[in-house]
Protein backbone atom coordinates (compact mmCIF):
# COMPACT_ATOMS: atom_id res chain seq x y z
CA UNK A 1 -4.08 -13.37 26.67
CA UNK A 2 -3.18 -14.99 23.25
CA UNK A 3 -1.87 -12.43 20.62
CA UNK A 4 -2.04 -13.00 17.33
CA UNK A 5 1.92 -12.73 15.27
CA UNK A 6 0.91 -11.76 11.71
CA UNK A 7 4.26 -11.37 8.94
CA UNK A 8 3.60 -9.44 5.55
CA UNK A 9 6.38 -10.93 3.27
CA UNK A 10 5.48 -8.24 0.62
CA UNK A 11 7.31 -8.73 -3.25
CA UNK A 12 9.81 -11.27 -0.98
CA UNK A 13 10.34 -14.61 -1.01
CA UNK A 14 9.74 -18.00 -2.81
CA UNK A 15 8.13 -21.36 -2.04
CA UNK A 16 10.99 -22.80 -1.10
CA UNK A 17 11.60 -19.73 1.57
CA UNK A 18 8.20 -20.33 2.81
CA UNK A 19 8.87 -23.65 2.69
CA UNK A 20 11.79 -23.24 5.14
CA UNK A 21 9.41 -20.64 6.99
CA UNK A 22 6.76 -23.77 7.82
CA UNK A 23 9.20 -26.60 8.40
CA UNK A 24 10.89 -23.95 11.31
CA UNK A 25 7.57 -23.26 12.83
CA UNK A 26 5.62 -26.06 12.49
CA UNK A 27 7.91 -27.51 15.88
CA UNK A 28 7.33 -24.32 17.75
CA UNK A 29 4.51 -24.71 21.07
CA UNK A 30 2.67 -21.54 21.02
CA UNK A 31 -0.94 -20.59 21.65
CA UNK A 32 -0.38 -17.75 20.21
CA UNK A 33 -1.97 -17.22 16.20
CA UNK A 34 0.78 -16.89 13.27
CA UNK A 35 -0.57 -15.43 9.97
CA UNK A 36 2.21 -15.46 7.31
CA UNK A 37 0.75 -13.32 4.53
CA UNK A 38 3.25 -14.03 1.18
CA UNK A 39 2.85 -13.08 -2.90
CA UNK A 40 -0.80 -14.62 -4.47
CA UNK A 41 1.85 -17.56 -5.96
CA UNK A 42 2.51 -19.11 -2.39
CA UNK A 43 -1.04 -19.15 -0.87
CA UNK A 44 -1.67 -22.57 -2.23
CA UNK A 45 0.56 -23.87 -0.01
CA UNK A 46 0.41 -26.58 2.78
CA UNK A 47 0.90 -25.08 6.17
CA UNK A 48 1.08 -27.01 9.65
CA UNK A 49 -1.33 -27.30 11.63
CA UNK A 50 -0.06 -23.97 14.28
CA UNK A 51 0.21 -21.63 11.05
CA UNK A 52 -2.86 -19.55 8.97
CA UNK A 53 -2.57 -17.87 5.15
CA UNK A 54 -2.94 -14.78 4.35
CA UNK A 55 -3.15 -12.82 1.34
CA UNK A 56 -1.81 -8.61 1.15
CA UNK A 57 -4.72 -7.76 -1.20
CA UNK A 58 -7.76 -8.13 -2.78
CA UNK A 59 -10.41 -6.79 -6.04
CA UNK A 60 -13.20 -4.51 -4.08
CA UNK A 61 -14.89 -6.71 -7.48
CA UNK A 62 -16.34 -9.62 -6.79
CA UNK A 63 -15.41 -11.09 -10.74
CA UNK A 64 -14.99 -9.97 -14.47
CA UNK A 65 -12.61 -7.46 -16.29
CA UNK A 66 -9.75 -6.75 -13.94
CA UNK A 67 -6.23 -8.02 -15.50
CA UNK A 68 -4.39 -8.75 -12.57
CA UNK A 69 -6.57 -8.06 -10.26
CA UNK A 70 -6.97 -11.41 -7.78
CA UNK A 71 -11.18 -11.53 -5.74
CA UNK A 72 -11.70 -12.38 -2.43
CA UNK A 73 -13.22 -15.75 -3.73
CA UNK A 74 -9.88 -16.56 -5.39
CA UNK A 75 -8.30 -16.16 -2.43
CA UNK A 76 -10.27 -17.95 0.07
CA UNK A 77 -10.56 -21.16 -2.22
CA UNK A 78 -6.54 -21.30 -2.29
CA UNK A 79 -7.18 -21.55 1.68
CA UNK A 80 -6.51 -18.35 2.90
CA UNK A 81 -8.01 -17.35 5.81
CA UNK A 82 -6.53 -13.96 6.67
CA UNK A 83 -6.61 -10.80 4.45
CA UNK A 84 -4.09 -6.85 4.45
CA UNK A 85 -5.83 -4.48 2.76
CA UNK A 86 -6.01 -0.96 2.96
CA UNK A 87 -1.14 -1.13 3.96
CA UNK A 88 0.09 2.05 3.34
CA UNK A 89 1.75 0.45 -0.12
CA UNK A 90 -1.30 0.33 -1.17
CA UNK A 91 -2.87 3.68 -0.17
CA UNK A 92 0.51 5.06 -1.38
CA UNK A 93 1.45 3.45 -4.40
CA UNK A 94 -2.06 2.60 -5.48
CA UNK A 95 -3.75 5.44 -4.53
CA UNK A 96 -6.41 3.47 -2.86
CA UNK A 97 -8.88 5.17 -0.32
CA UNK A 98 -10.68 4.86 2.87
CA UNK A 99 -13.27 3.95 -0.25
CA UNK A 100 -11.73 1.46 -1.80
CA UNK A 101 -10.32 0.25 1.28
CA UNK A 102 -13.95 -0.37 3.64
CA UNK A 103 -14.94 -2.11 -0.65
CA UNK A 104 -12.39 -4.24 -0.10
CA UNK A 105 -12.71 -5.77 3.74
CA UNK A 106 -16.41 -6.06 2.72
CA UNK A 107 -15.95 -8.19 0.70
CA UNK A 108 -13.32 -9.88 2.63
CA UNK A 109 -15.90 -10.87 4.94
CA UNK A 110 -18.47 -12.12 2.31
CA UNK A 111 -16.41 -14.44 1.23
CA UNK A 112 -14.88 -15.71 4.93
CA UNK A 113 -11.50 -13.87 5.04
CA UNK A 114 -10.75 -11.74 8.04
CA UNK A 115 -9.43 -8.83 6.91
CA UNK A 116 -6.27 -6.62 8.10
CA UNK A 117 -7.12 -3.49 8.57
CA UNK A 118 -4.14 -1.49 8.42
CA UNK A 119 -4.46 3.07 9.24
CA UNK A 120 -1.63 4.92 9.68
CA UNK A 121 -0.27 8.34 9.83
CA UNK A 122 2.49 10.54 8.62
CA UNK A 123 5.74 12.22 9.41
CA UNK A 124 4.43 15.48 8.72
CA UNK A 125 1.52 14.51 10.28
CA UNK A 126 2.88 13.20 13.11
CA UNK A 127 4.73 16.13 13.73
CA UNK A 128 1.61 18.25 12.71
CA UNK A 129 -0.51 17.10 16.00
CA UNK A 130 -3.11 15.43 13.77
CA UNK A 131 -2.00 11.68 15.01
CA UNK A 132 -5.16 11.38 16.42
CA UNK A 133 -7.10 13.00 14.22
CA UNK A 134 -5.48 11.32 11.22
CA UNK A 135 -6.37 7.67 13.11
CA UNK A 136 -9.90 8.79 13.81
CA UNK A 137 -10.70 9.53 10.43
CA UNK A 138 -8.84 5.87 8.75
CA UNK A 139 -10.61 3.82 11.44
CA UNK A 140 -13.79 4.95 10.89
CA UNK A 141 -14.15 5.41 6.91
CA UNK A 142 -12.09 2.39 6.12
CA UNK A 143 -14.40 -0.47 7.99
CA UNK A 144 -17.85 -1.55 6.29
CA UNK A 145 -20.86 -0.59 7.65
CA UNK A 146 -21.91 -3.09 9.89
CA UNK A 147 -19.69 -5.86 9.41
CA UNK A 148 -20.82 -9.47 9.67
CA UNK A 149 -17.61 -10.72 11.04
CA UNK A 150 -14.45 -10.33 13.42
CA UNK A 151 -12.17 -7.41 11.81
CA UNK A 152 -8.41 -6.65 12.71
CA UNK A 153 -7.16 -2.83 12.77
CA UNK A 154 -3.18 -2.79 12.02
CA UNK A 155 -2.04 0.66 13.46
CA UNK A 156 1.22 1.28 11.35
CA UNK A 157 2.94 4.29 11.93
CA UNK A 158 3.60 5.12 8.54
CA UNK A 159 7.05 7.36 9.83
CA UNK A 160 8.44 4.37 11.64
CA UNK A 161 8.36 1.80 9.07
CA UNK A 162 12.45 2.49 7.97
CA UNK A 163 11.14 1.64 4.17
CA UNK A 164 7.98 4.24 4.07
CA UNK A 165 9.30 6.43 6.76
CA UNK A 166 12.42 7.46 8.53
CA UNK A 167 13.14 4.82 10.96
CA UNK A 168 12.24 6.19 13.56
CA UNK A 169 10.66 4.51 16.94
CA UNK A 170 7.47 5.05 18.32
CA UNK A 171 7.61 5.10 22.30
CA UNK A 172 5.82 3.09 24.45
CA UNK A 173 3.91 6.01 25.55
CA UNK A 174 2.76 6.57 21.75
CA UNK A 175 1.52 3.36 21.29
CA UNK A 176 -0.35 3.30 24.02
CA UNK A 177 -1.94 5.84 23.56
CA UNK A 178 -2.79 5.28 19.90
CA UNK A 179 -4.32 2.22 20.15
CA UNK A 180 -5.92 3.33 22.98
CA UNK A 181 -7.74 6.27 20.78
CA UNK A 182 -8.00 3.15 18.43
CA UNK A 183 -10.28 1.66 21.56
CA UNK A 184 -12.15 4.00 22.36
CA UNK A 185 -13.40 4.65 18.28
CA UNK A 186 -14.44 0.71 17.96
CA UNK A 187 -15.87 0.95 20.80
CA UNK A 188 -18.11 3.96 19.83
CA UNK A 189 -18.83 2.13 16.66
CA UNK A 190 -20.04 -0.68 17.95
CA UNK A 191 -17.51 -2.94 17.84
CA UNK A 192 -16.09 -3.46 21.45
CA UNK A 193 -13.55 -6.23 21.14
CA UNK A 194 -11.70 -6.15 17.84
CA UNK A 195 -8.01 -7.26 18.14
CA UNK A 196 -6.11 -3.87 17.13
CA UNK A 197 -1.95 -4.96 15.65
CA UNK A 198 1.08 -2.90 15.75
CA UNK A 199 2.41 -2.60 12.78
CA UNK A 200 5.48 -0.08 13.28
CA UNK A 201 9.19 -1.99 13.23
CA UNK A 202 9.37 -4.88 15.92
CA UNK A 203 12.01 -7.49 16.95
CA UNK A 204 12.46 -10.05 19.56
CA UNK A 205 13.93 -8.30 21.73
CA UNK A 206 11.42 -5.48 21.22
CA UNK A 207 8.34 -7.70 20.55
CA UNK A 208 6.80 -8.51 24.57
CA UNK A 209 7.21 -5.13 26.15
CA UNK A 210 5.34 -3.90 22.66
CA UNK A 211 2.23 -6.42 23.21
CA UNK A 212 2.27 -6.01 26.99
CA UNK A 213 1.07 -2.41 26.68
CA UNK A 214 -2.80 -2.29 27.27
CA UNK A 215 -5.04 -2.62 23.55
CA UNK A 216 -1.51 -4.44 21.65
CA UNK A 217 -3.04 -7.64 20.26
CA UNK A 218 -0.80 -8.89 18.53
CA UNK A 219 2.08 -7.22 15.84
CA UNK A 220 2.30 -6.70 11.67
CA UNK A 221 5.58 -8.05 11.09
CA UNK A 222 7.30 -6.77 7.76
CA UNK A 223 10.74 -7.27 7.10
CA UNK A 224 11.31 -9.67 10.27
CA UNK A 225 9.26 -12.12 8.76
CA UNK A 226 11.42 -13.43 6.01
CA UNK A 227 13.72 -15.24 8.21
CA UNK A 228 13.18 -17.84 10.78
CA UNK A 229 16.08 -16.66 13.36
CA UNK A 230 14.10 -13.58 12.84
CA UNK A 231 10.14 -14.01 13.16
CA UNK A 232 10.06 -17.68 15.48
CA UNK A 233 11.59 -15.14 18.31
CA UNK A 234 8.70 -12.81 17.85
CA UNK A 235 6.21 -14.95 17.90
CA UNK A 236 7.80 -16.93 20.84
CA UNK A 237 8.41 -13.11 22.65
CA UNK A 238 4.57 -13.85 24.65
């Protein structure tokens, strides 16, 4: 089964490092969908046939007096096909609500972009047994009503991300349980078959086992997507 391997560069990289990455990936033989999400400044880049570009965020508004924001139309105009919305960094650092995330996802769809909608629980929520309840609320409220085209959900357990949590490693049972729960919720919403990515810490040694878990349709990779020697083994893992 084809997988999606997406790299979120966050506020890292340069035009030169992106070119290095693209040149390294170009000869890689894979049926997987490879997505790289660099900063807005790098979106106007020619990519090889086996790579697609995505943005890390968009405005929920079409246009107007929103200094510093970038619209879905602008992102699409640069050639991007995907956009991350509701990432934990945005929810935490910019106070984005589920309603804001749903609005951004709807705007993305309206302009032909596929939104990668991020959901995940904190360490406190996990330790208090709230994981499934929190995830269900995030999924149901972050997805636009009756999306007009396919969406992607990315589960990112905040407690397992070294930059936002404490770098704990989810067990396969943890991943299987949450991804299964998300798949059930999506089914209840009439969105059977929606792609679900795992956004916890993953590397070339763990990628194959993680992507073999039921309902794990790929991965959203952070720091390990910045260097070819780290990212390409994940791409080739399945």
